[in-house]
């Protein structure tokens, strides 16, 4: 499975289990976000600690999750960004739009405080 989920209270952590988040698997991630949102889940964390590369398709899936959560008064956060993924997000200036934390534990603590 390319993406797995873990429930922490009302927050769902989506774990990316792929080395590259690209056109071959981004539609699956986007579909997972849509499914979670349709079922009333709007507090999401995407853990990219296992992902070393992200292209525009991956960024698109991330932005879909962010929009779905914001549109339903929820929150969306990223964590575990590898250097190349962080650089891609910064080049696209999405670090100004997205909530980013170092680890899922840090993000969970910030959300629950």
C-alpha atoms as a PDB file:
ATOM      1  CA  UNK A   1       0.000   0.000   0.000  1.00  0.00           C
ATOM      2  CA  UNK A   2       1.420   3.371  -1.038  1.00  0.00           C
ATOM      3  CA  UNK A   3      -0.360   5.358   1.685  1.00  0.00           C
ATOM      4  CA  UNK A   4      -1.562   4.296   5.114  1.00  0.00           C
ATOM      5  CA  UNK A   5      -3.632   6.083   7.725  1.00  0.00           C
ATOM      6  CA  UNK A   6      -3.452   6.259  11.499  1.00  0.00           C
ATOM      7  CA  UNK A   7      -6.105   7.797  13.738  1.00  0.00           C
ATOM      8  CA  UNK A   8      -4.884   9.946  16.650  1.00  0.00           C
ATOM      9  CA  UNK A   9      -8.007  11.228  18.399  1.00  0.00           C
ATOM     10  CA  UNK A  10      -9.855  13.229  15.749  1.00  0.00           C
ATOM     11  CA  UNK A  11      -6.711  13.698  13.644  1.00  0.00           C
ATOM     12  CA  UNK A  12      -5.814  11.371  10.807  1.00  0.00           C
ATOM     13  CA  UNK A  13      -2.164  10.923   9.913  1.00  0.00           C
ATOM     14  CA  UNK A  14      -1.639   9.873   6.306  1.00  0.00           C
ATOM     15  CA  UNK A  15       1.745   8.178   5.961  1.00  0.00           C
ATOM     16  CA  UNK A  16       3.382   8.229   2.542  1.00  0.00           C
ATOM     17  CA  UNK A  17       5.142   4.910   1.933  1.00  0.00           C
ATOM     18  CA  UNK A  18       6.592   5.862  -1.453  1.00  0.00           C
ATOM     19  CA  UNK A  19      10.089   6.998  -2.353  1.00  0.00           C
ATOM     20  CA  UNK A  20       8.731   9.346  -5.044  1.00  0.00           C
ATOM     21  CA  UNK A  21       5.424  11.205  -4.877  1.00  0.00           C
ATOM     22  CA  UNK A  22       4.739  11.719  -8.564  1.00  0.00           C
ATOM     23  CA  UNK A  23       2.215  11.176 -11.357  1.00  0.00           C
ATOM     24  CA  UNK A  24       2.307   7.406 -10.812  1.00  0.00           C
ATOM     25  CA  UNK A  25       0.853   7.598  -7.280  1.00  0.00           C
ATOM     26  CA  UNK A  26      -0.389  11.172  -6.655  1.00  0.00           C
ATOM     27  CA  UNK A  27      -3.899  10.338  -7.962  1.00  0.00           C
ATOM     28  CA  UNK A  28      -4.143   7.598  -5.316  1.00  0.00           C
ATOM     29  CA  UNK A  29      -3.166  10.086  -2.593  1.00  0.00           C
ATOM     30  CA  UNK A  30      -5.647  12.647  -3.914  1.00  0.00           C
ATOM     31  CA  UNK A  31      -8.393   9.986  -3.921  1.00  0.00           C
ATOM     32  CA  UNK A  32      -7.532   9.077  -0.330  1.00  0.00           C
ATOM     33  CA  UNK A  33      -7.834  12.718   0.742  1.00  0.00           C
ATOM     34  CA  UNK A  34     -11.195  13.030  -1.047  1.00  0.00           C
ATOM     35  CA  UNK A  35     -12.453   9.841   0.619  1.00  0.00           C
ATOM     36  CA  UNK A  36     -11.342  10.978   4.077  1.00  0.00           C
ATOM     37  CA  UNK A  37     -12.941  14.397   3.605  1.00  0.00           C
ATOM     38  CA  UNK A  38     -16.182  12.908   2.283  1.00  0.00           C
ATOM     39  CA  UNK A  39     -16.377  10.844   5.478  1.00  0.00           C
ATOM     40  CA  UNK A  40     -16.109  13.960   7.650  1.00  0.00           C
ATOM     41  CA  UNK A  41     -12.380  13.919   8.367  1.00  0.00           C
ATOM     42  CA  UNK A  42     -10.929  17.414   8.066  1.00  0.00           C
ATOM     43  CA  UNK A  43      -8.010  17.275  10.511  1.00  0.00           C
ATOM     44  CA  UNK A  44      -5.184  15.733   8.497  1.00  0.00           C
ATOM     45  CA  UNK A  45      -1.415  15.397   8.741  1.00  0.00           C
ATOM     46  CA  UNK A  46       0.600  14.124   5.783  1.00  0.00           C
ATOM     47  CA  UNK A  47       3.842  12.479   6.906  1.00  0.00           C
ATOM     48  CA  UNK A  48       6.353  12.531   4.054  1.00  0.00           C
ATOM     49  CA  UNK A  49       9.333  11.206   6.031  1.00  0.00           C
ATOM     50  CA  UNK A  50       9.692   8.212   3.638  1.00  0.00           C
ATOM     51  CA  UNK A  51       9.393  10.343   0.499  1.00  0.00           C
ATOM     52  CA  UNK A  52      12.590  11.679  -1.073  1.00  0.00           C
ATOM     53  CA  UNK A  53      11.106  13.278  -4.200  1.00  0.00           C
ATOM     54  CA  UNK A  54       7.915  15.159  -5.054  1.00  0.00           C
ATOM     55  CA  UNK A  55       6.884  16.560  -8.440  1.00  0.00           C
ATOM     56  CA  UNK A  56       4.041  18.873  -9.460  1.00  0.00           C
ATOM     57  CA  UNK A  57       1.513  16.012  -9.336  1.00  0.00           C
ATOM     58  CA  UNK A  58       2.438  15.385  -5.726  1.00  0.00           C
ATOM     59  CA  UNK A  59       2.211  19.090  -4.913  1.00  0.00           C
ATOM     60  CA  UNK A  60      -1.224  19.132  -6.532  1.00  0.00           C
ATOM     61  CA  UNK A  61      -2.423  16.299  -4.258  1.00  0.00           C
ATOM     62  CA  UNK A  62      -1.054  18.169  -1.232  1.00  0.00           C
ATOM     63  CA  UNK A  63      -2.870  21.354  -2.277  1.00  0.00           C
ATOM     64  CA  UNK A  64      -6.135  19.420  -2.742  1.00  0.00           C
ATOM     65  CA  UNK A  65      -5.868  18.148   0.838  1.00  0.00           C
ATOM     66  CA  UNK A  66      -5.115  21.640   2.115  1.00  0.00           C
ATOM     67  CA  UNK A  67      -8.129  23.106   0.284  1.00  0.00           C
ATOM     68  CA  UNK A  68     -10.503  20.318   1.398  1.00  0.00           C
ATOM     69  CA  UNK A  69      -9.521  20.817   5.030  1.00  0.00           C
ATOM     70  CA  UNK A  70      -9.688  24.620   4.903  1.00  0.00           C
ATOM     71  CA  UNK A  71     -13.079  24.542   3.125  1.00  0.00           C
ATOM     72  CA  UNK A  72     -14.526  22.460   5.970  1.00  0.00           C
ATOM     73  CA  UNK A  73     -12.927  24.503   8.797  1.00  0.00           C
ATOM     74  CA  UNK A  74     -10.329  21.815   9.473  1.00  0.00           C
ATOM     75  CA  UNK A  75      -6.560  21.832   9.351  1.00  0.00           C
ATOM     76  CA  UNK A  76      -3.915  20.264   7.147  1.00  0.00           C
ATOM     77  CA  UNK A  77      -0.240  19.932   8.022  1.00  0.00           C
ATOM     78  CA  UNK A  78       2.847  18.403   6.474  1.00  0.00           C
ATOM     79  CA  UNK A  79       5.680  16.808   8.395  1.00  0.00           C
ATOM     80  CA  UNK A  80       8.849  14.819   7.851  1.00  0.00           C
ATOM     81  CA  UNK A  81       9.977  16.728   4.765  1.00  0.00           C
ATOM     82  CA  UNK A  82      13.173  15.395   3.220  1.00  0.00           C
ATOM     83  CA  UNK A  83      15.565  18.073   1.863  1.00  0.00           C
ATOM     84  CA  UNK A  84      14.578  17.646  -1.818  1.00  0.00           C
ATOM     85  CA  UNK A  85      10.862  17.736  -1.015  1.00  0.00           C
ATOM     86  CA  UNK A  86      11.305  20.794   1.209  1.00  0.00           C
ATOM     87  CA  UNK A  87      13.252  22.526  -1.572  1.00  0.00           C
ATOM     88  CA  UNK A  88      10.458  21.801  -4.099  1.00  0.00           C
ATOM     89  CA  UNK A  89       7.837  23.212  -1.706  1.00  0.00           C
ATOM     90  CA  UNK A  90       9.958  26.322  -1.106  1.00  0.00           C
ATOM     91  CA  UNK A  91      10.596  26.868  -4.833  1.00  0.00           C
ATOM     92  CA  UNK A  92       6.827  26.752  -5.391  1.00  0.00           C
ATOM     93  CA  UNK A  93       6.485  29.133  -2.402  1.00  0.00           C
ATOM     94  CA  UNK A  94       4.036  26.722  -0.801  1.00  0.00           C
ATOM     95  CA  UNK A  95       5.882  26.997   2.504  1.00  0.00           C
ATOM     96  CA  UNK A  96       3.995  30.303   2.856  1.00  0.00           C
ATOM     97  CA  UNK A  97       0.636  28.568   2.404  1.00  0.00           C
ATOM     98  CA  UNK A  98       1.070  25.192   4.075  1.00  0.00           C
ATOM     99  CA  UNK A  99       1.494  24.359   7.740  1.00  0.00           C
ATOM    100  CA  UNK A 100       4.781  22.442   8.052  1.00  0.00           C
ATOM    101  CA  UNK A 101       6.275  20.738  11.099  1.00  0.00           C
ATOM    102  CA  UNK A 102       9.415  18.685  11.596  1.00  0.00           C
ATOM    103  CA  UNK A 103       7.745  15.517  12.929  1.00  0.00           C
ATOM    104  CA  UNK A 104       4.202  14.228  13.354  1.00  0.00           C
ATOM    105  CA  UNK A 105       4.673  14.347  17.133  1.00  0.00           C
ATOM    106  CA  UNK A 106       5.503  18.065  16.966  1.00  0.00           C
ATOM    107  CA  UNK A 107       2.539  18.768  14.678  1.00  0.00           C
ATOM    108  CA  UNK A 108       0.177  16.769  16.918  1.00  0.00           C
ATOM    109  CA  UNK A 109       1.401  18.703  19.964  1.00  0.00           C
ATOM    110  CA  UNK A 110       0.829  22.033  18.169  1.00  0.00           C
ATOM    111  CA  UNK A 111      -2.677  21.031  17.062  1.00  0.00           C
ATOM    112  CA  UNK A 112      -3.648  19.764  20.508  1.00  0.00           C
ATOM    113  CA  UNK A 113      -2.305  22.801  22.384  1.00  0.00           C
END
